Amino acid sequence: MNFQLIGVNHKSAPVEVREKLAIADSRLADVTLRLSKHPGIEEGMIVSTCNRVELLARTTNGHADLRGFLREHFQTDVSTYSSCLYEKNGPDAVRHLFRVAASLDSLVVGEPQILGQVKEAYATARAVGAVHSQLDALIARSFAVAKRVRTETAVGSSAVSVASVAVELAKRIFGTLEGKAVYLVGAGKMSELAARHLIAHGAGTIFVANRTYERAAELAHEFEGQAILFEQLYETADKADIVITSTGAPFAIFRKEHGKLFLERRKNRPMFFIDIAVPRDVDPEMAKLDGIFVYDIDDLQHVIGDHVADRRREADRAEAIVEDEVHKFEGRLQALAVVPTIVSLREQIETIRQAEIDRVRGRLGKLTPEQELAVEAMTRGIVNKVLHAPITTLKSAAKDPEATTVIELIRRMFNLNEKKSGEER
């Protein structure tokens, strides 16, 4: 399996590293296409969320320089965060994708958002023609694995998300959310989820600001809140006790000077910023102000510990399902790998059989229908006996790690020069 994966996530890298590698939604299609055209890469997909940035590829020989792609794309020295990167190949890459799609590698095990994010990354990759063959089959299988995990285990029961954990953190800070004014900056899925949780826990007024005002108005209307023009963000943010921000901005939109202004207007009443964006929306320097409290995506990990124990047993069952699916997928790929060779072998031997019958037909004279059938049966019997051993060997090799070697050997022995499996381009 010539699959390779490289990436960083919430386990391997702090948010200050992840935000350097984050890819904005508006650029994802272009970067994915560039990945698929990188030397040695046949197909590619990129998943970029607040908790991970991962490049998945099917390569020509299993050894594409994915670090080189990161270096070229981000114009940075990869060695500066080399210790944060993880690389996986073959079955390990397959296993990792299955675990990610099934939410077993998430900040909150069992959260449902990651599967949607992988599907969006897949849709983007397909739209630009970056997936079309074995990687396509792998990603599609990961969705089936995720469904099986949710069907056969309770790992997703009482589902939580980064948004719900953020709200839980707000409750810990205030004790209660009753009557607290909340400002949502960014009107995406994460903000929508946060709003639902906030209302369920008694939050008061909800303000929504988004670069696209229509979307802010839509979300505010749904939750009986107030939409704010994004241009009025700094004039109105001080109205909130809690600011939950999750925009796709490439730089911090809240800085220390804004915090000073907010405190002055609030007469030093505290404000709490929960920053679930990557790159971060809130400059860490704001946390140095008395009365401003800032929590980023990594701080949420302290809350997550409460959920881990309850889900560990179900997660173990889910891991067993993933392992079973990895072996099944590997078997499917290996079986597919021998099919073109078996077909080519049968076609070649059949061509020889027909040529030999035609060559001697003139010397046999006119044959009766019974004699024609006898010649046909005799020659087909010889062909089947000749093919039995190599075809049996090929089928057995499909389950063997050395399958590629056996396939290549038989192709050379019988001079089968057609394209091998996987050579779509």
Protein backbone atom coordinates (compact mmCIF):
# COMPACT_ATOMS: atom_id res chain seq x y z
CA MET A 1 0.00 0.00 0.00
CA ASN A 2 1.69 3.17 -1.21
CA PHE A 3 -0.09 5.51 1.20
CA GLN A 4 1.78 8.22 3.08
CA LEU A 5 0.64 10.69 5.69
CA ILE A 6 2.33 13.58 7.45
CA GLY A 7 0.83 16.01 9.92
CA VAL A 8 0.51 17.64 13.30
CA ASN A 9 -2.37 17.49 15.75
CA HIS A 10 -3.35 18.56 19.25
CA LYS A 11 -1.29 15.71 20.71
CA SER A 12 1.93 16.34 18.82
CA ALA A 13 2.04 20.13 18.55
CA PRO A 14 0.95 23.16 20.58
CA VAL A 15 -1.45 25.62 19.01
CA GLU A 16 1.35 28.05 18.12
CA VAL A 17 2.79 25.38 15.78
CA ARG A 18 -0.55 24.21 14.38
CA GLU A 19 -1.57 27.73 13.44
CA LYS A 20 1.60 28.12 11.36
CA LEU A 21 0.57 25.12 9.26
CA ALA A 22 -3.17 25.82 9.13
CA ILE A 23 -4.65 26.17 5.65
CA ALA A 24 -7.61 28.51 5.19
CA ASP A 25 -10.75 27.06 3.59
CA SER A 26 -10.40 29.52 0.71
CA ARG A 27 -6.97 28.10 -0.17
CA LEU A 28 -7.59 24.41 0.50
CA ALA A 29 -8.56 23.47 -3.06
CA ASP A 30 -5.48 25.10 -4.57
CA VAL A 31 -3.09 23.59 -2.03
CA THR A 32 -4.68 20.14 -2.43
CA LEU A 33 -4.22 20.30 -6.20
CA ARG A 34 -0.59 21.32 -5.73
CA LEU A 35 -0.09 18.36 -3.39
CA SER A 36 -1.46 15.93 -5.99
CA LYS A 37 1.03 17.31 -8.54
CA HIS A 38 4.04 17.14 -6.23
CA PRO A 39 6.78 14.77 -7.48
CA GLY A 40 6.08 11.15 -6.57
CA ILE A 41 2.43 11.75 -5.62
CA GLU A 42 -0.46 10.22 -7.56
CA GLU A 43 -3.38 11.35 -5.37
CA GLY A 44 -3.72 13.62 -2.35
CA MET A 45 -6.05 15.07 0.28
CA ILE A 46 -5.53 17.64 3.05
CA VAL A 47 -7.45 17.85 6.32
CA SER A 48 -7.00 21.20 8.08
CA THR A 49 -9.00 21.83 11.27
CA CYS A 50 -8.42 23.62 14.56
CA ASN A 51 -6.85 20.46 15.96
CA ARG A 52 -4.94 18.98 13.02
CA VAL A 53 -3.31 19.59 9.68
CA GLU A 54 -2.66 16.35 7.78
CA LEU A 55 -1.51 15.55 4.25
CA LEU A 56 -2.55 12.13 2.94
CA ALA A 57 -1.23 10.83 -0.36
CA ARG A 58 -0.95 7.80 -2.57
CA THR A 59 2.56 7.80 -3.92
CA THR A 60 4.32 6.23 -6.85
CA ASN A 61 6.63 4.08 -4.76
CA GLY A 62 5.75 4.88 -1.14
CA HIS A 63 8.50 7.45 -0.67
CA ALA A 64 7.31 10.91 -1.71
CA ASP A 65 8.95 13.87 0.01
CA LEU A 66 6.00 15.25 1.97
CA ARG A 67 8.30 17.30 4.20
CA GLY A 68 9.61 18.91 1.05
CA PHE A 69 6.07 19.87 0.09
CA LEU A 70 5.55 21.48 3.51
CA ARG A 71 8.82 23.34 3.15
CA GLU A 72 7.94 24.65 -0.31
CA HIS A 73 4.33 25.53 0.46
CA PHE A 74 4.90 27.30 3.76
CA GLN A 75 8.29 28.70 2.79
CA THR A 76 9.68 27.64 6.15
CA ASP A 77 12.35 25.45 7.66
CA VAL A 78 10.52 22.23 8.57
CA SER A 79 13.27 21.31 11.02
CA THR A 80 12.07 24.06 13.38
CA TYR A 81 9.00 21.99 14.21
CA SER A 82 10.25 18.59 13.07
CA SER A 83 9.66 17.04 16.49
CA CYS A 84 5.95 17.94 16.21
CA LEU A 85 5.44 16.16 12.87
CA TYR A 86 4.35 12.54 12.61
CA GLU A 87 4.68 10.44 9.48
CA LYS A 88 2.85 7.21 8.71
CA ASN A 89 3.15 4.82 5.80
CA GLY A 90 1.17 1.93 4.34
CA PRO A 91 -1.14 0.21 6.86
CA ASP A 92 -0.21 2.77 9.53
CA ALA A 93 -1.50 5.59 7.32
CA VAL A 94 -4.70 3.63 6.66
CA ARG A 95 -5.14 2.97 10.38
CA HIS A 96 -4.62 6.64 11.19
CA LEU A 97 -7.24 7.81 8.67
CA PHE A 98 -9.77 5.28 10.00
CA ARG A 99 -9.13 6.45 13.58
CA VAL A 100 -9.47 10.11 12.62
CA ALA A 101 -12.75 9.55 10.74
CA ALA A 102 -14.12 7.50 13.65
CA SER A 103 -13.19 10.32 16.08
CA LEU A 104 -10.78 8.11 18.03
CA ASP A 105 -7.93 10.57 17.50
CA SER A 106 -9.95 13.67 18.38
CA LEU A 107 -9.43 16.09 21.23
CA VAL A 108 -12.79 14.85 22.48
CA VAL A 109 -13.14 11.14 21.63
CA GLY A 110 -16.48 10.52 19.96
CA GLU A 111 -17.16 14.10 18.82
CA PRO A 112 -19.09 14.06 15.56
CA GLN A 113 -17.60 17.09 13.79
CA ILE A 114 -14.38 15.49 12.52
CA LEU A 115 -16.18 13.10 10.16
CA GLY A 116 -17.88 16.06 8.50
CA GLN A 117 -14.55 17.84 8.23
CA VAL A 118 -12.94 14.80 6.57
CA LYS A 119 -15.88 14.59 4.16
CA GLU A 120 -15.44 18.27 3.27
CA ALA A 121 -11.72 17.71 2.64
CA TYR A 122 -12.59 14.71 0.45
CA ALA A 123 -15.17 16.71 -1.52
CA THR A 124 -12.58 19.43 -2.11
CA ALA A 125 -9.98 16.90 -3.26
CA ARG A 126 -12.44 15.21 -5.63
CA ALA A 127 -13.57 18.55 -7.04
CA VAL A 128 -10.02 19.38 -8.16
CA GLY A 129 -9.31 15.83 -9.37
CA ALA A 130 -6.78 15.08 -6.63
CA VAL A 131 -8.40 11.73 -5.71
CA HIS A 132 -9.59 9.23 -8.28
CA SER A 133 -8.35 5.71 -7.59
CA GLN A 134 -6.99 3.83 -4.57
CA LEU A 135 -7.00 6.89 -2.32
CA ASP A 136 -10.61 7.47 -3.33
CA ALA A 137 -11.45 3.92 -2.24
CA LEU A 138 -9.54 4.37 1.03
CA ILE A 139 -11.31 7.59 2.00
CA ALA A 140 -14.71 6.17 1.09
CA ARG A 141 -13.92 3.16 3.28
CA SER A 142 -13.01 5.44 6.18
CA PHE A 143 -16.58 6.79 6.15
CA ALA A 144 -17.93 3.24 6.37
CA VAL A 145 -15.56 2.50 9.25
CA ALA A 146 -16.77 5.61 11.10
CA LYS A 147 -20.37 4.51 10.61
CA ARG A 148 -19.58 1.01 11.87
CA VAL A 149 -17.88 2.42 14.98
CA ARG A 150 -20.91 4.57 15.79
CA THR A 151 -23.32 1.71 15.09
CA GLU A 152 -21.50 -1.03 17.01
CA THR A 153 -20.15 1.00 19.96
CA ALA A 154 -21.35 3.78 22.25
CA VAL A 155 -18.23 5.87 21.69
CA GLY A 156 -20.37 8.70 20.34
CA SER A 157 -23.07 8.57 23.00
CA SER A 158 -23.68 11.81 24.86
CA ALA A 159 -21.64 13.32 22.08
CA VAL A 160 -19.52 16.29 23.00
CA SER A 161 -17.58 18.66 20.82
CA VAL A 162 -14.95 21.34 21.12
CA ALA A 163 -17.82 23.82 21.23
CA SER A 164 -19.58 22.04 24.09
CA VAL A 165 -16.35 21.74 26.03
CA ALA A 166 -15.79 25.46 25.55
CA VAL A 167 -19.21 26.12 27.05
CA GLU A 168 -18.42 23.79 29.94
CA LEU A 169 -15.28 25.82 30.59
CA ALA A 170 -17.37 28.99 30.66
CA LYS A 171 -19.65 27.39 33.25
CA ARG A 172 -16.65 26.54 35.40
CA ILE A 173 -15.45 30.12 35.18
CA PHE A 174 -18.78 31.74 36.09
CA GLY A 175 -20.48 28.99 38.05
CA THR A 176 -23.62 29.65 36.01
CA LEU A 177 -24.36 31.11 32.61
CA GLU A 178 -27.72 32.52 33.70
CA GLY A 179 -28.02 36.05 32.33
CA LYS A 180 -24.48 36.16 30.94
CA ALA A 181 -24.08 38.04 27.67
CA VAL A 182 -22.24 36.04 25.03
CA TYR A 183 -20.57 37.27 21.85
CA LEU A 184 -20.02 34.80 19.01
CA VAL A 185 -17.33 35.98 16.62
CA GLY A 186 -17.62 33.89 13.48
CA ALA A 187 -20.90 32.24 12.43
CA GLY A 188 -19.63 28.87 11.28
CA LYS A 189 -20.58 25.40 12.48
CA MET A 190 -18.50 25.72 15.64
CA SER A 191 -20.22 28.95 16.64
CA GLU A 192 -23.63 27.45 15.92
CA LEU A 193 -22.86 24.49 18.17
CA ALA A 194 -21.60 26.81 20.90
CA ALA A 195 -24.79 28.85 20.68
CA ARG A 196 -26.97 25.78 21.10
CA HIS A 197 -25.05 24.72 24.21
CA LEU A 198 -25.04 28.23 25.65
CA ILE A 199 -28.81 28.61 25.34
CA ALA A 200 -29.33 25.17 26.84
CA HIS A 201 -27.38 26.34 29.90
CA GLY A 202 -29.29 29.55 30.38
CA ALA A 203 -27.16 32.17 28.67
CA GLY A 204 -28.74 35.59 28.24
CA THR A 205 -28.23 37.88 25.27
CA ILE A 206 -26.32 36.43 22.35
CA PHE A 207 -24.50 38.71 19.91
CA VAL A 208 -23.21 37.37 16.59
CA ALA A 209 -20.62 39.04 14.36
CA ASN A 210 -19.45 37.56 11.09
CA ARG A 211 -17.68 38.93 8.01
CA THR A 212 -20.78 37.95 6.04
CA TYR A 213 -23.52 39.86 7.81
CA GLU A 214 -26.32 37.78 6.29
CA ARG A 215 -24.95 34.67 7.93
CA ALA A 216 -24.64 36.49 11.28
CA ALA A 217 -28.24 37.67 10.97
CA GLU A 218 -29.41 34.16 10.12
CA LEU A 219 -27.71 32.64 13.16
CA ALA A 220 -28.78 35.46 15.48
CA HIS A 221 -32.40 35.10 14.34
CA GLU A 222 -32.33 31.36 14.96
CA PHE A 223 -31.28 31.91 18.57
CA GLU A 224 -33.19 35.15 19.19
CA GLY A 225 -29.92 37.06 19.42
CA GLN A 226 -28.58 40.22 17.86
CA ALA A 227 -26.48 40.36 14.67
CA ILE A 228 -23.61 42.85 14.60
CA LEU A 229 -21.76 44.19 11.57
CA PHE A 230 -18.22 42.83 11.65
CA GLU A 231 -16.93 46.39 11.22
CA GLN A 232 -18.53 47.23 14.59
CA LEU A 233 -16.81 44.37 16.40
CA TYR A 234 -14.48 46.51 18.50
CA GLU A 235 -17.23 49.01 19.30
CA THR A 236 -19.57 46.33 20.66
CA ALA A 237 -17.51 43.42 22.05
CA ASP A 238 -17.35 44.97 25.52
CA LYS A 239 -21.09 44.27 25.92
CA ALA A 240 -20.26 40.58 26.41
CA ASP A 241 -19.12 38.68 29.48
CA ILE A 242 -18.00 35.76 27.33
CA VAL A 243 -16.53 35.98 23.83
CA ILE A 244 -16.31 32.72 21.87
CA THR A 245 -14.32 33.28 18.71
CA SER A 246 -13.78 30.87 15.81
CA THR A 247 -13.03 32.79 12.64
CA GLY A 248 -10.76 31.79 9.79
CA ALA A 249 -8.64 34.93 10.08
CA PRO A 250 -4.91 34.37 9.40
CA PHE A 251 -3.94 36.67 12.27
CA ALA A 252 -5.20 37.66 15.74
CA ILE A 253 -8.26 39.91 15.57
CA PHE A 254 -8.22 40.68 19.30
CA ARG A 255 -5.01 42.28 20.59
CA LYS A 256 -3.83 43.80 23.85
CA GLU A 257 -4.92 47.31 22.93
CA HIS A 258 -8.45 46.03 22.35
CA GLY A 259 -8.48 44.37 25.76
CA LYS A 260 -7.48 47.62 27.46
CA LEU A 261 -10.30 49.44 25.67
CA PHE A 262 -12.87 46.79 26.62
CA LEU A 263 -11.88 46.88 30.32
CA GLU A 264 -12.08 50.64 30.38
CA ARG A 265 -15.63 50.58 28.98
CA ARG A 266 -16.68 47.77 31.33
CA LYS A 267 -15.22 49.61 34.32
CA ASN A 268 -12.85 46.66 34.84
CA ARG A 269 -15.58 44.00 34.98
CA PRO A 270 -13.87 40.79 33.75
CA MET A 271 -14.18 39.38 30.25
CA PHE A 272 -13.54 35.79 29.26
CA PHE A 273 -12.30 34.88 25.77
CA ILE A 274 -12.59 31.30 24.61
CA ASP A 275 -10.57 31.07 21.40
CA ILE A 276 -11.35 27.91 19.43
CA ALA A 277 -9.79 29.14 16.20
CA VAL A 278 -6.53 28.01 14.59
CA PRO A 279 -4.75 30.27 13.79
CA ARG A 280 -5.74 31.90 17.08
CA ASP A 281 -8.09 34.87 17.03
CA VAL A 282 -6.86 36.21 20.38
CA ASP A 283 -3.30 37.41 20.93
CA PRO A 284 -1.92 35.62 24.04
CA GLU A 285 -0.67 39.02 25.24
CA MET A 286 -4.27 39.89 26.12
CA ALA A 287 -4.15 37.38 28.96
CA LYS A 288 -1.58 39.58 30.72
CA LEU A 289 -4.23 42.22 31.41
CA ASP A 290 -5.92 42.10 34.80
CA GLY A 291 -9.54 41.25 34.16
CA ILE A 292 -9.03 39.56 30.79
CA PHE A 293 -8.99 35.77 30.81
CA VAL A 294 -8.04 33.92 27.61
CA TYR A 295 -8.42 30.22 26.92
CA ASP A 296 -7.34 28.68 23.63
CA ILE A 297 -7.96 25.30 22.04
CA ASP A 298 -5.17 23.62 24.01
CA ASP A 299 -6.61 24.81 27.32
CA LEU A 300 -9.73 22.80 26.54
CA GLN A 301 -7.76 19.60 27.02
CA HIS A 302 -7.94 20.11 30.79
CA VAL A 303 -11.72 19.87 30.59
CA ILE A 304 -11.68 16.80 28.40
CA GLY A 305 -10.19 14.57 31.09
CA ASP A 306 -13.67 14.28 32.60
CA HIS A 307 -14.98 12.58 29.46
CA VAL A 308 -12.13 10.14 28.85
CA ALA A 309 -12.82 7.59 31.59
CA ASP A 310 -16.48 7.11 30.59
CA ARG A 311 -15.55 6.46 26.98
CA ARG A 312 -12.41 4.37 27.37
CA ARG A 313 -14.13 0.99 27.25
CA GLU A 314 -16.16 1.89 24.17
CA ALA A 315 -13.09 3.42 22.57
CA ASP A 316 -11.23 0.12 23.05
CA ARG A 317 -14.03 -1.68 21.21
CA ALA A 318 -13.84 0.92 18.47
CA GLU A 319 -10.07 0.44 18.16
CA ALA A 320 -10.65 -3.29 17.60
CA ILE A 321 -13.09 -2.46 14.79
CA VAL A 322 -10.53 -0.15 13.19
CA GLU A 323 -7.86 -2.86 13.35
CA ASP A 324 -10.21 -5.35 11.71
CA GLU A 325 -11.04 -2.86 8.96
CA VAL A 326 -7.35 -2.11 8.29
CA HIS A 327 -6.68 -5.81 7.66
CA LYS A 328 -9.77 -6.11 5.45
CA PHE A 329 -8.80 -3.09 3.38
CA GLU A 330 -5.25 -4.35 3.00
CA GLY A 331 -6.63 -7.68 1.79
CA ARG A 332 -8.88 -5.96 -0.75
CA LEU A 333 -6.01 -3.94 -2.18
CA GLN A 334 -3.76 -6.99 -2.42
CA ALA A 335 -6.53 -9.01 -4.11
CA LEU A 336 -7.11 -6.19 -6.59
CA ALA A 337 -3.39 -6.01 -7.30
CA VAL A 338 -3.29 -9.54 -8.74
CA VAL A 339 -6.46 -9.29 -10.86
CA PRO A 340 -4.91 -7.41 -13.84
CA THR A 341 -2.06 -9.91 -13.97
CA ILE A 342 -4.45 -12.90 -13.89
CA VAL A 343 -6.55 -11.33 -16.66
CA SER A 344 -3.46 -10.56 -18.76
CA LEU A 345 -2.12 -14.07 -18.25
CA ARG A 346 -5.38 -15.71 -19.34
CA GLU A 347 -5.64 -13.42 -22.38
CA GLN A 348 -2.06 -14.15 -23.44
CA ILE A 349 -2.39 -17.92 -23.14
CA GLU A 350 -5.79 -17.84 -24.89
CA THR A 351 -4.21 -15.89 -27.78
CA ILE A 352 -1.51 -18.57 -28.08
CA ARG A 353 -4.13 -21.36 -27.98
CA GLN A 354 -6.20 -19.80 -30.75
CA ALA A 355 -3.10 -19.10 -32.85
CA GLU A 356 -1.95 -22.73 -32.58
CA ILE A 357 -5.39 -24.08 -33.53
CA ASP A 358 -5.47 -21.79 -36.55
CA ARG A 359 -1.93 -22.84 -37.50
CA VAL A 360 -2.70 -26.57 -37.65
CA ARG A 361 -6.30 -26.35 -38.84
CA GLY A 362 -5.26 -26.62 -42.53
CA ARG A 363 -3.40 -29.87 -41.89
CA LEU A 364 -6.33 -31.42 -40.02
CA GLY A 365 -8.71 -31.02 -42.93
CA LYS A 366 -12.43 -30.53 -42.51
CA LEU A 367 -13.51 -31.38 -38.97
CA THR A 368 -16.94 -32.52 -37.89
CA PRO A 369 -18.71 -30.49 -35.18
CA GLU A 370 -17.86 -33.27 -32.71
CA GLN A 371 -14.18 -33.09 -33.66
CA GLU A 372 -14.21 -29.25 -33.34
CA LEU A 373 -15.62 -29.61 -29.83
CA ALA A 374 -12.99 -32.24 -28.99
CA VAL A 375 -10.13 -29.98 -30.15
CA GLU A 376 -11.63 -27.06 -28.22
CA ALA A 377 -12.03 -29.13 -25.04
CA MET A 378 -8.54 -30.66 -25.33
CA THR A 379 -6.75 -27.33 -25.87
CA ARG A 380 -8.75 -25.56 -23.15
CA GLY A 381 -7.92 -28.40 -20.76
CA ILE A 382 -4.20 -27.96 -21.51
CA VAL A 383 -4.48 -24.18 -20.97
CA ASN A 384 -6.28 -24.62 -17.66
CA LYS A 385 -3.66 -27.06 -16.42
CA VAL A 386 -0.84 -24.74 -17.48
CA LEU A 387 -2.52 -21.74 -15.79
CA HIS A 388 -3.50 -23.52 -12.59
CA ALA A 389 -0.16 -23.18 -10.82
CA PRO A 390 0.64 -19.52 -11.65
CA ILE A 391 -2.93 -18.35 -10.94
CA THR A 392 -3.06 -20.24 -7.65
CA THR A 393 0.29 -18.69 -6.76
CA LEU A 394 -0.98 -15.21 -7.60
CA LYS A 395 -4.15 -15.63 -5.53
CA SER A 396 -2.14 -16.90 -2.59
CA ALA A 397 0.31 -14.02 -3.00
CA ALA A 398 -2.57 -11.55 -2.57
CA LYS A 399 -2.46 -12.36 1.15
CA ASP A 400 1.32 -12.15 1.34
CA PRO A 401 3.40 -9.03 2.08
CA GLU A 402 5.63 -10.07 -0.83
CA ALA A 403 2.74 -9.96 -3.32
CA THR A 404 4.39 -7.30 -5.48
CA THR A 405 7.49 -9.45 -5.95
CA VAL A 406 5.45 -12.51 -7.00
CA ILE A 407 3.33 -10.45 -9.42
CA GLU A 408 6.41 -8.92 -11.04
CA LEU A 409 8.08 -12.33 -11.37
CA ILE A 410 5.09 -13.90 -13.16
CA ARG A 411 4.70 -10.87 -15.43
CA ARG A 412 8.32 -11.24 -16.48
CA MET A 413 8.08 -15.03 -16.96
CA PHE A 414 5.08 -14.69 -19.29
CA ASN A 415 6.17 -11.37 -20.83
CA LEU A 416 3.07 -9.50 -19.71
CA ASN A 417 3.88 -5.91 -20.56
CA GLU A 418 0.48 -4.26 -20.06
CA LYS A 419 0.00 -1.64 -17.35
CA LYS A 420 0.01 -3.01 -13.84
CA SER A 421 -2.62 -2.23 -11.18
CA GLY A 422 -2.41 1.33 -9.92
CA GLU A 423 -0.90 2.74 -13.15
CA GLU A 424 -3.87 4.93 -13.99
CA ARG A 425 -1.79 7.84 -15.25
